[in-house]
Each structure stands twice: as structure tokens, then as C-alpha cells.
Protein backbone atom coordinates (compact mmCIF):
# COMPACT_ATOMS: atom_id res chain seq x y z
CA SER A 1 61.07 5.59 -41.15
CA ARG A 2 58.75 4.81 -38.33
CA LEU A 3 57.78 7.36 -35.77
CA THR A 4 57.47 6.14 -32.27
CA SER A 5 56.18 8.05 -29.38
CA GLN A 6 57.19 7.47 -25.89
CA VAL A 7 54.79 8.00 -23.07
CA ALA A 8 56.35 8.90 -19.80
CA SER A 9 55.19 6.55 -17.10
CA PRO A 10 53.49 8.43 -14.29
CA ARG A 11 55.58 8.66 -11.21
CA LEU A 12 53.85 7.84 -7.96
CA PRO A 13 54.33 10.39 -5.20
CA THR A 14 56.47 9.43 -2.30
CA ARG A 15 55.26 9.73 1.28
CA ALA A 16 57.36 12.86 1.76
CA SER A 17 55.83 14.61 -1.27
CA LEU A 18 52.19 14.11 -0.28
CA PRO A 19 50.25 17.31 0.44
CA TYR A 20 49.10 16.04 3.84
CA PRO A 21 51.14 14.88 6.81
CA ARG A 22 51.48 11.26 7.75
CA PRO A 23 48.95 10.40 10.47
CA THR A 24 50.50 10.26 13.90
CA LEU A 25 49.36 7.93 16.63
CA ALA A 26 47.50 10.80 18.33
CA ARG A 27 45.75 11.73 15.08
CA THR A 28 44.79 8.10 14.42
CA ALA A 29 43.41 7.81 17.96
CA ALA A 30 41.42 11.01 17.47
CA MET A 31 39.97 9.72 14.19
CA LEU A 32 38.95 6.44 15.81
CA THR A 33 37.44 8.25 18.78
CA SER A 34 35.36 10.48 16.51
CA ARG A 35 34.24 7.40 14.57
CA PHE A 36 33.06 5.69 17.76
CA MET A 37 31.33 8.85 18.97
CA ARG A 38 29.26 8.96 15.79
CA ALA A 39 28.63 5.24 15.64
CA THR A 40 25.48 4.34 13.80
CA LYS A 41 22.45 2.81 15.49
CA MET A 42 20.70 0.58 12.95
CA ILE A 43 17.29 -1.02 13.27
CA VAL A 44 16.48 -4.09 11.19
CA GLY A 45 12.73 -4.56 10.82
CA VAL A 46 11.89 -8.25 11.15
CA SER A 47 8.70 -9.72 9.68
CA VAL A 48 7.26 -13.18 10.18
CA LYS A 49 5.54 -12.89 6.79
CA ASP A 50 8.73 -11.92 4.90
CA ILE A 51 11.47 -14.19 6.21
CA GLU A 52 13.56 -13.84 3.06
CA GLY A 53 13.34 -10.03 3.14
CA SER A 54 14.15 -9.91 6.86
CA SER A 55 17.21 -12.11 6.28
CA ALA A 56 18.33 -9.88 3.38
CA ALA A 57 17.86 -6.79 5.58
CA MET A 58 20.01 -8.31 8.34
CA LYS A 59 22.74 -9.16 5.83
CA LYS A 60 22.63 -5.63 4.40
CA ALA A 61 22.86 -4.12 7.90
CA LEU A 62 25.93 -6.22 8.60
CA PHE A 63 27.40 -5.18 5.23
CA PHE A 64 26.96 -1.49 6.16
CA ALA A 65 28.06 -1.89 9.79
CA GLN A 66 31.47 -0.74 10.96
CA PRO A 67 33.20 -1.37 14.29
CA GLY A 68 31.35 0.54 17.00
CA ASP A 69 27.99 0.44 15.20
CA HIS A 70 25.03 -1.17 16.92
CA ILE A 71 22.24 -3.19 15.29
CA SER A 72 18.86 -3.95 16.83
CA ALA A 73 16.65 -6.51 15.12
CA ILE A 74 13.08 -5.63 16.09
CA HIS A 75 9.86 -7.50 15.41
CA VAL A 76 6.56 -5.70 16.02
CA PRO A 77 3.88 -8.41 16.17
CA THR A 78 0.36 -7.83 14.92
CA LEU A 79 -2.41 -8.04 17.48
CA MET A 80 -5.71 -9.15 16.02
CA PRO A 81 -7.96 -10.17 18.91
CA GLU A 82 -11.12 -10.15 16.81
CA MET A 83 -9.62 -12.74 14.45
CA MET A 84 -8.38 -14.94 17.29
CA LEU A 85 -11.72 -14.95 19.07
CA SER A 86 -13.96 -15.17 16.00
CA SER A 87 -13.21 -18.87 15.59
CA MET A 88 -14.48 -19.58 19.09
CA SER A 89 -18.21 -20.16 19.47
CA ASP A 90 -18.32 -18.32 22.80
CA PRO A 91 -15.12 -16.60 24.00
CA GLY A 92 -16.62 -16.42 27.49
CA ASP A 93 -16.41 -20.23 27.73
CA ALA A 94 -12.65 -20.22 27.12
CA SER A 95 -10.39 -20.69 30.08
CA GLU A 96 -8.02 -17.98 31.18
CA ASP A 97 -5.08 -20.16 30.10
CA ALA A 98 -6.53 -20.57 26.59
CA LEU A 99 -6.98 -16.81 26.20
CA LEU A 100 -3.46 -16.21 27.51
CA ALA A 101 -2.05 -18.73 25.00
CA LEU A 102 -3.92 -17.02 22.15
CA SER A 103 -2.68 -13.59 23.16
CA ASN A 104 0.95 -14.85 23.35
CA MET A 105 0.95 -16.39 19.86
CA PRO A 106 2.26 -13.28 18.04
CA THR A 107 5.06 -12.85 20.57
CA LYS A 108 6.06 -16.53 20.33
CA ALA A 109 6.17 -16.31 16.53
CA GLY A 110 8.39 -13.23 16.87
CA ALA A 111 10.72 -15.05 19.25
CA ALA A 112 11.08 -17.90 16.75
CA MET A 113 11.83 -15.33 14.05
CA MET A 114 14.54 -13.79 16.25
CA ASP A 115 16.19 -17.20 16.51
CA LYS A 116 16.28 -17.30 12.70
CA MET A 117 17.80 -13.79 12.62
CA ARG A 118 20.49 -14.89 15.11
CA GLN A 119 21.45 -17.72 12.77
CA VAL A 120 21.55 -15.41 9.73
CA ALA A 121 23.66 -12.83 11.60
CA ALA A 122 26.08 -15.44 12.97
CA ALA A 123 26.61 -16.94 9.51
CA GLU A 124 27.10 -13.51 7.91
CA MET A 125 29.56 -12.33 10.58
CA ALA A 126 31.52 -15.57 10.21
CA LEU A 127 31.62 -15.01 6.45
CA THR A 128 32.72 -11.36 6.65
CA GLY A 129 34.88 -11.61 9.75
CA LYS A 130 33.04 -8.72 11.41
CA THR A 131 32.00 -8.60 15.04
CA ILE A 132 29.03 -6.30 15.52
CA ASN A 133 26.89 -5.88 18.63
CA ILE A 134 23.32 -7.01 17.82
CA ASP A 135 20.21 -6.96 20.02
CA TYR A 136 17.15 -9.05 19.22
CA LYS A 137 13.86 -7.62 20.47
CA VAL A 138 10.17 -8.41 20.15
CA SER A 139 7.97 -5.45 21.01
CA ALA A 140 4.51 -5.63 22.50
CA PRO A 141 1.84 -6.68 19.98
CA THR A 142 -0.03 -3.83 18.32
CA SER A 143 -2.73 -3.45 15.71
CA LEU A 144 -0.68 -0.63 14.09
CA VAL A 145 2.55 -2.40 13.09
CA LYS A 146 3.72 0.43 10.80
CA SER A 147 3.48 3.05 13.52
CA GLY A 148 4.88 0.58 16.06
CA LEU A 149 8.02 0.12 13.96
CA LEU A 150 8.54 3.89 13.73
CA ALA A 151 7.94 4.22 17.48
CA ALA A 152 10.60 1.53 18.06
CA CYS A 153 13.04 3.53 15.89
CA ARG A 154 12.42 6.67 17.93
CA TYR A 155 12.70 4.78 21.22
CA GLU A 156 15.99 3.15 20.18
CA GLY A 157 17.42 6.42 18.81
CA ALA A 158 18.00 4.86 15.40
CA ASN A 159 19.92 6.60 12.62
CA VAL A 160 19.09 3.96 10.01
CA LEU A 161 16.11 1.63 9.46
CA ILE A 162 16.73 -1.35 7.18
CA ILE A 163 13.76 -3.47 6.10
CA GLY A 164 12.86 -5.99 3.45
CA ALA A 165 10.51 -5.03 0.63
CA GLY A 166 7.68 -7.30 1.79
CA VAL A 167 6.45 -10.55 0.31
CA GLY A 168 7.24 -10.48 -3.41
CA GLY A 169 8.54 -6.92 -3.07
CA LYS A 170 5.03 -5.57 -2.61
CA GLY A 171 4.80 -4.89 1.12
CA SER A 172 2.88 -1.92 2.51
CA ILE A 173 5.29 -1.11 5.34
CA PRO A 174 8.28 0.00 3.16
CA PRO A 175 6.49 2.89 1.43
CA PHE A 176 4.89 3.92 4.72
CA VAL A 177 8.20 4.15 6.59
CA ALA A 178 9.89 5.83 3.62
CA GLN A 179 7.27 8.59 3.83
CA ASN A 180 6.99 8.86 7.61
CA ALA A 181 10.36 8.01 9.18
CA ASP A 182 11.42 11.58 9.89
CA GLY A 183 15.05 11.90 10.97
CA VAL A 184 15.87 8.29 10.04
CA THR A 185 17.56 7.03 6.88
CA VAL A 186 15.45 4.23 5.41
CA CYS A 187 16.97 1.39 3.39
CA ILE A 188 14.54 -0.96 1.66
CA VAL A 189 16.43 -4.10 0.63
CA ARG A 190 15.36 -5.60 -2.70
CA ASP A 191 18.55 -7.51 -3.56
CA HIS A 192 16.87 -10.89 -3.07
CA ILE A 193 13.88 -10.16 -5.34
CA LYS A 194 14.17 -11.57 -8.84
């Protein structure tokens, strides 16, 4: 004779037998209100040198974002006046317009990068069906980009900083912000690095 064992199928609890009450409209409204009150302010660090990493960071920010969250894509351009003027034989001979054009180059490159970030964000939101409020900002050029990015986080009141890992995953800004971004959660995106 064969022995057979029967396993009782687990019975799913009904709504009435759950240990917690069914959410009412007032409770649902209260939960949504508390969610909006603690909405996350995310900063996406944008780099002209690491376009792929900046794009991956923007996609990751949109992946994390929930309704009510706010994303700011910020580029902090590098100011290197000694490099710009070293190629000129005599900077005193340059016109005021030429010097102004040279000093605006980092900002113009940042503006072009922000256009690229707009395209990446629009494509990602269309793909995911999310609608998130995003600002695109280029800060004033500085010779201390690492500190400038942290200053932008403090100024914006950011909860989260999301950045790419740098060219080839070997950037110097990610470890710096991971060590020095007090009060901010840092996410270094390496998904795109093979």
C-alpha cells in the first residue's frame, strides 16, 4: 500500500481577519500628506567630463524619485584662468570681449550639458511614466569643484546627492563627497561601468 500525505493549502486571510484596520479616506490622506511633507530633495551632480556617468546618475535619481520629490541637476564648472590665458602671448593685448568669451566657456559647456540632461530625463520619465519636478542649474565657475558641489547641496537643502563614478569609474569627486558630505546621503552610480 502506498502512503500519501496531504498538505493543507494555506488559507489567505480575508480583509476582516487582518490585524490592522482597512485604511479610511482620512487615513490615506494623512499618509499622503506626511509623504509630501518629507519629500526628498535630490541633487544630481553633472559633469562635462563624465557624460555617461551623469546620465546614469539622472536615471538613478528618477528611479528613486517618488511623487512630491524634487530633483536638481547641478553642474559646477571648473575655473582655470591660468590655463586659459597661458596660450595667449600677452593677455593684456586681448580685447575685453575675448576675455569675457574665455571666462564664459565653462558656463556655456555646462549649459550644453544641461540640455543633454533634459533629454535624458524626458526619455526616462516617458519610459517610467513618472512626472518629477526637475531643475537644471549651472553654478558659478570655481577652482574647487568638489567643495562647490557640497556647497550647492547645502544651499539647496539636499537630502540625497547622486553622482556618477567619474570617467572609467575612477573619478576623484565621488570619494571626496562620500567622506565630506555631512548630513547628505551619497549615491555613487556605477551601473553603467563594465
